[in-house]
N, C-alpha and C. Protein backbone atom coordinates (compact mmCIF):
# COMPACT_ATOMS: atom_id res chain seq x y z
N MET A 1 45.89 126.47 82.89
CA MET A 1 47.04 126.00 82.12
C MET A 1 47.35 124.56 82.51
N GLU A 2 47.41 123.67 81.52
CA GLU A 2 47.66 122.27 81.80
C GLU A 2 49.13 122.05 82.19
N LYS A 3 49.32 121.15 83.15
CA LYS A 3 50.67 120.81 83.58
C LYS A 3 51.33 119.90 82.54
N GLU A 4 52.53 120.26 82.10
CA GLU A 4 53.23 119.46 81.11
C GLU A 4 54.17 118.47 81.80
N ASP A 5 54.37 117.32 81.16
CA ASP A 5 55.30 116.33 81.68
C ASP A 5 56.73 116.82 81.50
N LEU A 6 57.54 116.67 82.53
CA LEU A 6 58.92 117.10 82.47
C LEU A 6 59.83 115.88 82.46
N LYS A 7 60.78 115.85 81.53
CA LYS A 7 61.76 114.77 81.45
C LYS A 7 63.16 115.34 81.60
N VAL A 8 63.96 114.73 82.43
CA VAL A 8 65.34 115.15 82.59
C VAL A 8 66.19 114.43 81.55
N LEU A 9 66.86 115.17 80.67
CA LEU A 9 67.68 114.61 79.61
C LEU A 9 69.16 114.73 79.98
N ARG A 10 69.97 113.81 79.48
CA ARG A 10 71.42 113.88 79.73
C ARG A 10 72.17 113.77 78.41
N PRO A 11 72.08 114.79 77.56
CA PRO A 11 72.72 114.73 76.24
C PRO A 11 74.20 115.09 76.25
N PHE A 12 74.73 115.58 77.40
CA PHE A 12 76.11 116.03 77.43
C PHE A 12 76.96 115.15 78.35
N GLY A 13 78.26 115.12 78.05
CA GLY A 13 79.19 114.39 78.89
C GLY A 13 79.26 112.92 78.54
N PRO A 14 80.33 112.23 78.99
CA PRO A 14 80.53 110.81 78.67
C PRO A 14 79.62 109.91 79.48
N THR A 15 79.31 108.77 78.93
CA THR A 15 78.54 107.78 79.68
C THR A 15 79.50 106.87 80.45
N ILE A 16 79.00 106.30 81.53
CA ILE A 16 79.74 105.34 82.34
C ILE A 16 78.85 104.11 82.46
N ALA A 17 79.45 102.93 82.32
CA ALA A 17 78.68 101.70 82.44
C ALA A 17 79.06 100.98 83.73
N LYS A 18 78.08 100.41 84.40
CA LYS A 18 78.32 99.65 85.63
C LYS A 18 77.78 98.23 85.46
N VAL A 19 78.62 97.26 85.79
CA VAL A 19 78.22 95.85 85.71
C VAL A 19 78.76 95.11 86.92
N LYS A 20 78.35 93.86 87.08
CA LYS A 20 78.85 93.00 88.14
C LYS A 20 79.84 92.00 87.57
N ILE A 21 80.99 91.88 88.20
CA ILE A 21 81.93 90.83 87.84
C ILE A 21 81.38 89.53 88.42
N PRO A 22 81.27 88.47 87.63
CA PRO A 22 80.79 87.20 88.17
C PRO A 22 81.64 86.74 89.36
N ASP A 23 81.00 86.11 90.35
CA ASP A 23 81.71 85.68 91.56
C ASP A 23 82.90 84.79 91.26
N ASN A 24 82.74 83.89 90.29
CA ASN A 24 83.85 82.98 89.98
C ASN A 24 85.04 83.74 89.40
N LEU A 25 84.78 84.82 88.68
CA LEU A 25 85.86 85.61 88.10
C LEU A 25 86.56 86.44 89.18
N VAL A 26 85.79 86.96 90.15
CA VAL A 26 86.39 87.66 91.29
C VAL A 26 87.34 86.71 92.02
N LYS A 27 86.90 85.46 92.22
CA LYS A 27 87.73 84.48 92.91
C LYS A 27 88.99 84.16 92.11
N GLU A 28 88.84 83.99 90.80
CA GLU A 28 90.00 83.67 89.95
C GLU A 28 91.04 84.79 90.02
N LEU A 29 90.58 86.04 89.95
CA LEU A 29 91.50 87.18 89.99
C LEU A 29 92.17 87.32 91.35
N ASN A 30 91.42 87.06 92.41
CA ASN A 30 92.01 87.10 93.76
C ASN A 30 93.02 85.98 93.96
N ASP A 31 92.68 84.78 93.52
CA ASP A 31 93.59 83.64 93.65
C ASP A 31 94.88 83.90 92.87
N TYR A 32 94.73 84.45 91.67
CA TYR A 32 95.87 84.77 90.83
C TYR A 32 96.79 85.78 91.53
N THR A 33 96.19 86.82 92.10
CA THR A 33 96.96 87.84 92.81
C THR A 33 97.65 87.25 94.03
N ASP A 34 96.95 86.43 94.79
CA ASP A 34 97.53 85.81 95.98
C ASP A 34 98.72 84.93 95.61
N ASP A 35 98.65 84.26 94.48
CA ASP A 35 99.77 83.43 94.02
C ASP A 35 100.98 84.29 93.67
N ILE A 36 100.74 85.45 93.05
CA ILE A 36 101.84 86.35 92.71
C ILE A 36 102.53 86.85 93.98
N ILE A 37 101.73 87.21 94.98
CA ILE A 37 102.26 87.75 96.23
C ILE A 37 103.24 86.76 96.89
N LYS A 38 102.96 85.48 96.75
CA LYS A 38 103.79 84.44 97.37
C LYS A 38 105.05 84.12 96.58
N ASN A 39 105.13 84.61 95.35
CA ASN A 39 106.23 84.25 94.45
C ASN A 39 107.10 85.48 94.19
N ASP A 40 108.30 85.50 94.78
CA ASP A 40 109.18 86.67 94.67
C ASP A 40 109.54 87.00 93.23
N GLN A 41 109.78 85.97 92.40
CA GLN A 41 110.14 86.21 91.01
C GLN A 41 108.97 86.79 90.22
N LYS A 42 107.77 86.25 90.49
CA LYS A 42 106.57 86.76 89.83
C LYS A 42 106.31 88.22 90.21
N LYS A 43 106.49 88.51 91.48
CA LYS A 43 106.28 89.89 91.95
C LYS A 43 107.19 90.86 91.20
N LYS A 44 108.40 90.42 90.95
CA LYS A 44 109.36 91.25 90.24
C LYS A 44 109.01 91.36 88.75
N ASP A 45 108.70 90.21 88.15
CA ASP A 45 108.43 90.17 86.71
C ASP A 45 107.17 90.94 86.33
N LEU A 46 106.15 90.87 87.19
CA LEU A 46 104.85 91.45 86.86
C LEU A 46 104.60 92.81 87.52
N ASP A 47 105.62 93.36 88.16
CA ASP A 47 105.47 94.67 88.79
C ASP A 47 105.12 95.72 87.74
N TRP A 48 103.98 96.38 87.92
CA TRP A 48 103.50 97.36 86.95
C TRP A 48 103.49 98.77 87.54
N GLY A 49 103.94 98.88 88.79
CA GLY A 49 103.89 100.15 89.49
C GLY A 49 104.67 101.27 88.82
N LYS A 50 105.78 100.92 88.17
CA LYS A 50 106.61 101.95 87.53
C LYS A 50 105.89 102.63 86.37
N ASN A 51 104.85 102.00 85.86
CA ASN A 51 104.09 102.55 84.73
C ASN A 51 102.83 103.29 85.16
N LEU A 52 102.58 103.33 86.47
CA LEU A 52 101.34 103.91 86.98
C LEU A 52 101.64 105.01 88.00
N VAL A 53 100.64 105.84 88.29
CA VAL A 53 100.87 107.01 89.14
C VAL A 53 100.53 106.77 90.61
N GLY A 54 99.95 105.63 90.94
CA GLY A 54 99.47 105.40 92.29
C GLY A 54 100.56 105.35 93.34
N ASN A 55 100.30 105.94 94.50
CA ASN A 55 101.17 105.82 95.66
C ASN A 55 100.60 104.72 96.54
N VAL A 56 100.79 103.47 96.07
CA VAL A 56 100.18 102.31 96.70
C VAL A 56 101.24 101.21 96.88
N LYS A 57 100.88 100.19 97.64
CA LYS A 57 101.84 99.13 98.00
C LYS A 57 102.33 98.35 96.79
N GLN A 58 101.40 97.80 95.99
CA GLN A 58 101.80 96.95 94.87
C GLN A 58 100.79 97.06 93.73
N GLU A 59 101.31 96.96 92.51
CA GLU A 59 100.47 96.92 91.31
C GLU A 59 101.06 95.89 90.36
N PHE A 60 100.25 94.89 89.99
CA PHE A 60 100.72 93.79 89.16
C PHE A 60 100.01 93.75 87.81
N MET A 61 100.76 93.51 86.76
CA MET A 61 100.16 93.29 85.44
C MET A 61 99.56 91.88 85.41
N ILE A 62 98.42 91.74 84.74
CA ILE A 62 97.81 90.42 84.54
C ILE A 62 98.32 89.88 83.21
N GLU A 63 98.85 88.69 83.23
CA GLU A 63 99.39 88.08 82.02
C GLU A 63 98.28 87.77 81.02
N LYS A 64 98.56 87.96 79.73
CA LYS A 64 97.54 87.82 78.70
C LYS A 64 96.99 86.40 78.62
N ASP A 65 97.84 85.40 78.82
CA ASP A 65 97.35 84.03 78.77
C ASP A 65 96.41 83.75 79.94
N VAL A 66 96.64 84.40 81.06
CA VAL A 66 95.76 84.24 82.23
C VAL A 66 94.42 84.91 81.94
N MET A 67 94.45 86.09 81.33
CA MET A 67 93.20 86.78 80.98
C MET A 67 92.32 85.90 80.10
N GLU A 68 92.96 85.23 79.16
CA GLU A 68 92.22 84.35 78.25
C GLU A 68 91.72 83.11 78.97
N LYS A 69 92.56 82.53 79.79
CA LYS A 69 92.23 81.28 80.48
C LYS A 69 91.03 81.44 81.42
N ILE A 70 91.00 82.52 82.21
CA ILE A 70 89.94 82.67 83.20
C ILE A 70 88.71 83.41 82.65
N GLY A 71 88.82 83.95 81.44
CA GLY A 71 87.68 84.63 80.83
C GLY A 71 87.61 86.11 81.12
N TRP A 72 88.70 86.68 81.63
CA TRP A 72 88.70 88.11 81.94
C TRP A 72 88.59 88.96 80.67
N GLY A 73 89.35 88.59 79.64
CA GLY A 73 89.27 89.32 78.38
C GLY A 73 87.89 89.26 77.77
N LYS A 74 87.25 88.11 77.85
CA LYS A 74 85.90 87.94 77.30
C LYS A 74 84.90 88.82 78.06
N PHE A 75 85.05 88.87 79.38
CA PHE A 75 84.18 89.72 80.20
C PHE A 75 84.29 91.18 79.78
N LEU A 76 85.53 91.66 79.63
CA LEU A 76 85.74 93.05 79.25
C LEU A 76 85.19 93.34 77.86
N ALA A 77 85.49 92.46 76.90
CA ALA A 77 85.07 92.68 75.52
C ALA A 77 83.55 92.71 75.38
N SER A 78 82.87 91.77 76.00
CA SER A 78 81.41 91.69 75.85
C SER A 78 80.72 92.89 76.47
N ASN A 79 81.24 93.37 77.59
CA ASN A 79 80.60 94.50 78.26
C ASN A 79 80.92 95.83 77.59
N VAL A 80 82.13 95.98 77.05
CA VAL A 80 82.44 97.19 76.29
C VAL A 80 81.57 97.24 75.04
N ARG A 81 81.38 96.10 74.40
CA ARG A 81 80.54 96.02 73.21
C ARG A 81 79.11 96.48 73.53
N GLU A 82 78.57 96.00 74.65
CA GLU A 82 77.20 96.37 75.04
C GLU A 82 77.12 97.84 75.45
N TRP A 83 78.12 98.32 76.15
CA TRP A 83 78.16 99.73 76.57
C TRP A 83 78.12 100.67 75.37
N ILE A 84 78.96 100.39 74.37
CA ILE A 84 79.00 101.23 73.18
C ILE A 84 77.72 101.08 72.36
N ARG A 85 77.18 99.88 72.32
CA ARG A 85 75.92 99.66 71.59
C ARG A 85 74.80 100.49 72.21
N GLN A 86 74.71 100.51 73.54
CA GLN A 86 73.65 101.27 74.19
C GLN A 86 73.89 102.77 74.12
N THR A 87 75.16 103.17 74.06
CA THR A 87 75.48 104.60 74.06
C THR A 87 75.25 105.24 72.70
N ASN A 88 75.77 104.63 71.64
CA ASN A 88 75.64 105.28 70.32
C ASN A 88 75.08 104.39 69.23
N LYS A 89 74.53 103.23 69.64
CA LYS A 89 73.87 102.32 68.70
C LYS A 89 74.82 101.82 67.60
N LYS A 90 76.09 101.73 67.92
CA LYS A 90 77.09 101.23 66.98
C LYS A 90 77.68 99.92 67.48
N GLU A 91 78.18 99.11 66.55
CA GLU A 91 78.80 97.84 66.90
C GLU A 91 80.31 97.93 66.71
N ILE A 92 81.06 97.55 67.73
CA ILE A 92 82.51 97.52 67.56
C ILE A 92 82.91 96.22 66.87
N THR A 93 83.95 96.28 66.07
CA THR A 93 84.47 95.07 65.42
C THR A 93 85.88 94.74 65.92
N ARG A 94 86.48 95.70 66.65
CA ARG A 94 87.81 95.50 67.21
C ARG A 94 87.79 95.76 68.71
N PHE A 95 88.46 94.90 69.44
CA PHE A 95 88.66 95.13 70.88
C PHE A 95 90.01 94.56 71.24
N ASN A 96 90.95 95.44 71.57
CA ASN A 96 92.31 95.02 71.86
C ASN A 96 92.71 95.49 73.26
N ILE A 97 92.96 94.55 74.16
CA ILE A 97 93.38 94.90 75.51
C ILE A 97 94.86 95.28 75.48
N MET A 98 95.16 96.51 75.83
CA MET A 98 96.54 96.96 75.89
C MET A 98 97.22 96.42 77.15
N ASN A 99 96.53 96.51 78.26
CA ASN A 99 97.04 95.98 79.52
C ASN A 99 95.91 95.93 80.55
N SER A 100 96.09 95.09 81.54
CA SER A 100 95.16 95.00 82.65
C SER A 100 95.99 94.72 83.89
N TRP A 101 95.61 95.31 85.02
CA TRP A 101 96.46 95.20 86.20
C TRP A 101 95.64 95.21 87.50
N ILE A 102 96.31 94.73 88.55
CA ILE A 102 95.74 94.67 89.90
C ILE A 102 96.39 95.75 90.75
N VAL A 103 95.59 96.46 91.54
CA VAL A 103 96.11 97.47 92.47
C VAL A 103 95.83 97.03 93.90
N ARG A 104 96.90 96.94 94.69
CA ARG A 104 96.76 96.62 96.12
C ARG A 104 96.98 97.91 96.91
N GLN A 105 95.92 98.40 97.52
CA GLN A 105 95.98 99.65 98.27
C GLN A 105 95.71 99.38 99.74
N PHE A 106 96.54 99.99 100.61
CA PHE A 106 96.37 99.86 102.05
C PHE A 106 96.21 101.24 102.67
N LYS A 107 95.98 101.29 103.98
CA LYS A 107 95.67 102.55 104.65
C LYS A 107 96.76 103.60 104.39
N ASN A 108 96.32 104.83 104.26
CA ASN A 108 97.14 106.02 104.01
C ASN A 108 97.66 106.11 102.57
N GLU A 109 97.39 105.12 101.73
CA GLU A 109 97.82 105.15 100.34
C GLU A 109 96.72 105.76 99.47
N TYR A 110 97.10 106.20 98.25
CA TYR A 110 96.12 106.88 97.40
C TYR A 110 96.56 106.81 95.94
N ASN A 111 95.64 107.20 95.06
CA ASN A 111 95.93 107.29 93.64
C ASN A 111 95.56 108.71 93.21
N PRO A 112 96.52 109.53 92.79
CA PRO A 112 96.22 110.92 92.44
C PRO A 112 95.40 111.03 91.15
N SER A 113 94.90 112.21 90.91
CA SER A 113 94.09 112.46 89.71
C SER A 113 94.91 112.16 88.46
N HIS A 114 94.31 111.37 87.55
CA HIS A 114 95.02 110.95 86.34
C HIS A 114 94.03 110.46 85.30
N TRP A 115 94.53 110.12 84.13
CA TRP A 115 93.73 109.52 83.07
C TRP A 115 94.51 108.35 82.50
N HIS A 116 93.90 107.61 81.58
CA HIS A 116 94.52 106.41 81.04
C HIS A 116 94.85 106.54 79.55
N ASN A 117 95.51 105.51 79.04
CA ASN A 117 95.82 105.42 77.61
C ASN A 117 94.72 104.63 76.89
N GLY A 118 94.85 104.54 75.56
CA GLY A 118 93.90 103.76 74.78
C GLY A 118 92.63 104.52 74.46
N HIS A 119 91.52 103.79 74.37
CA HIS A 119 90.21 104.38 74.08
C HIS A 119 89.25 104.20 75.25
N VAL A 120 89.23 103.01 75.83
CA VAL A 120 88.30 102.72 76.93
C VAL A 120 89.07 102.13 78.11
N SER A 121 88.56 102.37 79.29
CA SER A 121 89.19 101.90 80.52
C SER A 121 88.11 101.46 81.50
N GLY A 122 88.55 101.03 82.67
CA GLY A 122 87.58 100.63 83.68
C GLY A 122 88.26 100.21 84.96
N VAL A 123 87.46 100.09 86.00
CA VAL A 123 87.97 99.63 87.29
C VAL A 123 86.88 98.86 88.02
N GLY A 124 87.30 97.80 88.72
CA GLY A 124 86.38 97.00 89.51
C GLY A 124 87.04 96.59 90.81
N TYR A 125 86.26 96.01 91.70
CA TYR A 125 86.74 95.77 93.06
C TYR A 125 86.72 94.29 93.43
N LEU A 126 87.87 93.84 93.96
CA LEU A 126 88.06 92.44 94.32
C LEU A 126 88.07 92.23 95.84
N LYS A 127 88.53 93.24 96.57
CA LYS A 127 88.52 93.22 98.03
C LYS A 127 88.28 94.64 98.52
N VAL A 128 87.49 94.80 99.57
CA VAL A 128 87.22 96.12 100.14
C VAL A 128 87.26 95.99 101.66
N PRO A 129 88.01 96.85 102.36
CA PRO A 129 88.04 96.81 103.83
C PRO A 129 86.65 96.98 104.41
N SER A 130 86.40 96.29 105.53
CA SER A 130 85.10 96.41 106.18
C SER A 130 84.90 97.78 106.80
N ASN A 131 86.01 98.47 107.07
CA ASN A 131 85.94 99.81 107.65
C ASN A 131 86.98 100.70 106.97
N LEU A 132 86.53 101.78 106.34
CA LEU A 132 87.43 102.69 105.64
C LEU A 132 87.82 103.88 106.49
N GLY A 133 87.39 103.90 107.75
CA GLY A 133 87.77 104.97 108.67
C GLY A 133 86.79 106.13 108.66
N GLY A 134 86.88 106.93 109.71
CA GLY A 134 85.98 108.07 109.84
C GLY A 134 86.63 109.37 109.43
N THR A 135 85.88 110.45 109.52
CA THR A 135 86.40 111.78 109.19
C THR A 135 87.07 112.37 110.43
N LEU A 136 88.03 113.26 110.22
CA LEU A 136 88.74 113.88 111.34
C LEU A 136 87.82 114.79 112.13
N GLN A 137 86.91 115.46 111.43
CA GLN A 137 85.89 116.27 112.10
C GLN A 137 84.63 115.42 112.21
N LYS A 138 84.24 115.11 113.40
CA LYS A 138 83.17 114.13 113.63
C LYS A 138 81.81 114.56 113.11
N ASP A 139 81.62 115.86 112.88
CA ASP A 139 80.31 116.32 112.42
C ASP A 139 80.20 116.37 110.89
N LYS A 140 81.23 115.91 110.19
CA LYS A 140 81.18 115.88 108.74
C LYS A 140 80.13 114.85 108.28
N THR A 141 79.33 115.24 107.30
CA THR A 141 78.28 114.33 106.80
C THR A 141 78.74 113.52 105.59
N ILE A 142 79.85 113.94 104.95
CA ILE A 142 80.37 113.25 103.78
C ILE A 142 81.72 112.63 104.11
N ASN A 143 81.86 111.35 103.83
CA ASN A 143 83.11 110.64 104.07
C ASN A 143 83.56 110.02 102.75
N ASN A 144 84.67 110.51 102.20
CA ASN A 144 85.16 110.02 100.90
C ASN A 144 86.28 109.00 101.03
N ASN A 145 86.57 108.54 102.22
CA ASN A 145 87.67 107.60 102.42
C ASN A 145 87.54 106.38 101.50
N GLY A 146 88.61 106.11 100.75
CA GLY A 146 88.64 104.91 99.91
C GLY A 146 87.79 104.97 98.67
N LYS A 147 87.15 106.11 98.42
CA LYS A 147 86.25 106.21 97.26
C LYS A 147 87.00 106.58 95.99
N LEU A 148 86.42 106.19 94.87
CA LEU A 148 86.88 106.62 93.55
C LEU A 148 86.09 107.86 93.17
N GLU A 149 86.78 108.89 92.66
CA GLU A 149 86.09 110.08 92.19
C GLU A 149 86.43 110.31 90.73
N MET A 150 85.41 110.40 89.88
CA MET A 150 85.57 110.71 88.47
C MET A 150 85.21 112.18 88.26
N VAL A 151 85.96 112.84 87.36
CA VAL A 151 85.77 114.28 87.16
C VAL A 151 85.65 114.58 85.67
N HIS A 152 84.64 115.37 85.32
CA HIS A 152 84.49 115.81 83.93
C HIS A 152 83.98 117.23 83.89
N GLY A 153 84.74 118.13 83.28
CA GLY A 153 84.31 119.52 83.20
C GLY A 153 84.50 120.25 84.52
N SER A 154 83.75 121.33 84.70
CA SER A 154 83.84 122.13 85.92
C SER A 154 82.43 122.43 86.43
N LYS A 155 82.34 122.85 87.68
CA LYS A 155 81.06 123.14 88.30
C LYS A 155 80.36 124.28 87.58
N ALA A 156 79.10 124.07 87.29
CA ALA A 156 78.27 125.09 86.65
C ALA A 156 76.82 124.86 87.05
N PHE A 157 75.98 125.80 86.76
CA PHE A 157 74.57 125.68 87.08
C PHE A 157 73.98 124.45 86.40
N LEU A 158 73.31 123.61 87.17
CA LEU A 158 72.69 122.37 86.69
C LEU A 158 73.72 121.39 86.11
N CYS A 159 74.96 121.52 86.51
CA CYS A 159 76.01 120.65 85.99
C CYS A 159 76.95 120.24 87.12
N LYS A 160 76.88 118.98 87.49
CA LYS A 160 77.77 118.45 88.53
C LYS A 160 78.98 117.81 87.87
N PRO A 161 80.20 118.21 88.20
CA PRO A 161 81.39 117.71 87.49
C PRO A 161 81.99 116.43 88.05
N THR A 162 81.49 115.96 89.19
CA THR A 162 82.11 114.78 89.82
C THR A 162 81.10 113.66 90.03
N PHE A 163 81.62 112.44 90.04
CA PHE A 163 80.83 111.25 90.33
C PHE A 163 81.66 110.37 91.24
N ARG A 164 81.19 110.16 92.47
CA ARG A 164 81.94 109.38 93.45
C ARG A 164 81.39 107.97 93.55
N VAL A 165 82.32 107.03 93.63
CA VAL A 165 81.97 105.61 93.69
C VAL A 165 82.44 105.02 95.02
N THR A 166 81.52 104.43 95.75
CA THR A 166 81.88 103.68 96.96
C THR A 166 82.21 102.25 96.53
N PRO A 167 83.45 101.79 96.75
CA PRO A 167 83.83 100.47 96.26
C PRO A 167 83.06 99.33 96.94
N LYS A 168 82.59 98.41 96.11
CA LYS A 168 81.92 97.20 96.60
C LYS A 168 82.44 96.02 95.78
N VAL A 169 82.73 94.94 96.46
CA VAL A 169 83.29 93.77 95.78
C VAL A 169 82.37 93.33 94.64
N GLY A 170 82.95 93.18 93.45
CA GLY A 170 82.20 92.72 92.29
C GLY A 170 81.72 93.84 91.38
N ASP A 171 81.65 95.07 91.88
CA ASP A 171 81.22 96.18 91.03
C ASP A 171 82.34 96.55 90.05
N PHE A 172 81.95 96.79 88.79
CA PHE A 172 82.93 97.20 87.78
C PHE A 172 82.35 98.35 86.98
N TYR A 173 83.18 99.38 86.74
CA TYR A 173 82.77 100.57 86.02
C TYR A 173 83.63 100.76 84.77
N PHE A 174 82.97 100.98 83.64
CA PHE A 174 83.66 101.28 82.38
C PHE A 174 83.54 102.78 82.11
N PHE A 175 84.62 103.39 81.58
CA PHE A 175 84.59 104.80 81.26
C PHE A 175 85.58 105.09 80.13
N PRO A 176 85.40 106.21 79.41
CA PRO A 176 86.36 106.57 78.36
C PRO A 176 87.72 106.89 78.98
N HIS A 177 88.77 106.60 78.23
CA HIS A 177 90.13 106.67 78.78
C HIS A 177 90.50 108.05 79.31
N TYR A 178 89.93 109.12 78.73
CA TYR A 178 90.33 110.48 79.09
C TYR A 178 89.69 110.97 80.39
N LEU A 179 88.74 110.23 80.93
CA LEU A 179 88.01 110.70 82.10
C LEU A 179 88.94 110.76 83.32
N MET A 180 89.13 111.96 83.83
CA MET A 180 89.99 112.14 85.00
C MET A 180 89.38 111.43 86.21
N HIS A 181 90.24 110.80 87.01
CA HIS A 181 89.75 110.12 88.20
C HIS A 181 90.86 109.98 89.24
N ALA A 182 90.46 109.80 90.48
CA ALA A 182 91.41 109.68 91.59
C ALA A 182 90.80 108.77 92.64
N VAL A 183 91.66 108.22 93.50
CA VAL A 183 91.21 107.38 94.60
C VAL A 183 91.71 107.97 95.90
N TYR A 184 90.80 108.20 96.84
CA TYR A 184 91.14 108.77 98.13
C TYR A 184 91.75 107.71 99.05
N PRO A 185 92.60 108.14 99.98
CA PRO A 185 93.14 107.18 100.96
C PRO A 185 92.06 106.78 101.97
N PHE A 186 92.32 105.71 102.70
CA PHE A 186 91.44 105.32 103.80
C PHE A 186 92.30 105.10 105.04
N PHE A 187 91.65 104.93 106.19
CA PHE A 187 92.37 104.87 107.46
C PHE A 187 91.75 103.82 108.39
N ASP A 188 92.41 103.61 109.52
CA ASP A 188 91.87 102.79 110.62
C ASP A 188 91.62 101.33 110.25
N SER A 189 92.28 100.84 109.22
CA SER A 189 92.09 99.44 108.84
C SER A 189 93.39 98.91 108.24
N ASP A 190 93.73 97.67 108.61
CA ASP A 190 94.90 97.02 108.02
C ASP A 190 94.51 96.10 106.86
N GLU A 191 93.22 96.14 106.48
CA GLU A 191 92.75 95.31 105.38
C GLU A 191 93.12 95.93 104.03
N GLU A 192 93.08 95.11 103.02
CA GLU A 192 93.46 95.53 101.67
C GLU A 192 92.25 95.98 100.86
N ARG A 193 92.46 97.05 100.11
CA ARG A 193 91.49 97.48 99.09
C ARG A 193 92.10 97.05 97.76
N ARG A 194 91.52 96.05 97.12
CA ARG A 194 92.11 95.47 95.90
C ARG A 194 91.20 95.74 94.71
N SER A 195 91.77 96.34 93.66
CA SER A 195 90.99 96.64 92.47
C SER A 195 91.67 96.11 91.22
N VAL A 196 90.91 96.06 90.13
CA VAL A 196 91.45 95.60 88.85
C VAL A 196 91.04 96.61 87.78
N SER A 197 92.00 96.96 86.91
CA SER A 197 91.75 97.96 85.86
C SER A 197 92.24 97.45 84.51
N PHE A 198 91.91 98.19 83.47
CA PHE A 198 92.38 97.83 82.13
C PHE A 198 92.38 99.05 81.23
N ASN A 199 93.13 98.96 80.15
CA ASN A 199 93.08 99.89 79.02
C ASN A 199 92.88 99.08 77.76
N ALA A 200 92.08 99.58 76.83
CA ALA A 200 91.86 98.87 75.58
C ALA A 200 91.55 99.85 74.46
N THR A 201 91.70 99.38 73.24
CA THR A 201 91.31 100.16 72.07
C THR A 201 90.16 99.46 71.36
N VAL A 202 89.36 100.25 70.66
CA VAL A 202 88.26 99.72 69.84
C VAL A 202 88.47 100.24 68.41
N ASP A 203 87.46 100.12 67.56
CA ASP A 203 87.57 100.61 66.19
C ASP A 203 87.96 102.09 66.18
N GLN A 204 88.99 102.42 65.44
CA GLN A 204 89.45 103.79 65.38
C GLN A 204 88.37 104.71 64.81
N SER A 205 87.59 104.20 63.89
CA SER A 205 86.54 105.03 63.27
C SER A 205 85.47 105.42 64.29
N LEU A 206 85.14 104.50 65.22
CA LEU A 206 84.17 104.82 66.27
C LEU A 206 84.76 105.80 67.26
N PHE A 207 86.02 105.59 67.59
CA PHE A 207 86.68 106.48 68.54
C PHE A 207 86.79 107.89 68.00
N ASN A 208 87.04 108.04 66.73
CA ASN A 208 87.19 109.35 66.10
C ASN A 208 85.90 110.15 66.06
N GLU A 209 84.76 109.47 66.22
CA GLU A 209 83.49 110.20 66.23
C GLU A 209 83.43 111.19 67.39
């Protein structure tokens, strides 16, 4: 009996796209955040924490004119367009950013399981602590400190329902707005874990598919 070629197919579940944020854009977003931190009025005006579920130190909305000026909106639009093109071979004609924000997370803080508004969302990393801490039981082989966990469906044979992301500066992940996700706390470091997220809508006809 001849051996047949086996191919692993992934026809079920949502796709996730991963890209790199250009270094200059990471710097622009960090500089922008640092300027907000120093300005008491800006911190108050741009506070976005009341609209989000995270138990974290600070969350700031990014102003729309700033998104346009530094090219953040263009980065998001071009990559969402390519993600959807590769996923379903369709072209979007609309891309509207509802909001985009910065999350400042420090040790012992976390973001509980939640989902977003709009059609598409994403998260990327601007600063990551050099040490996220160890496990309480020293023989543990898995350490989820500071990681992002995405969840879809439930555990079943040949079906893994979770995807864990280890944050790295410059990495950005796009996902559909409904995808449940959470961020674990980290320990043993006074450094900041800084991320950037967004919500956006695309063509309603494509979304309805």
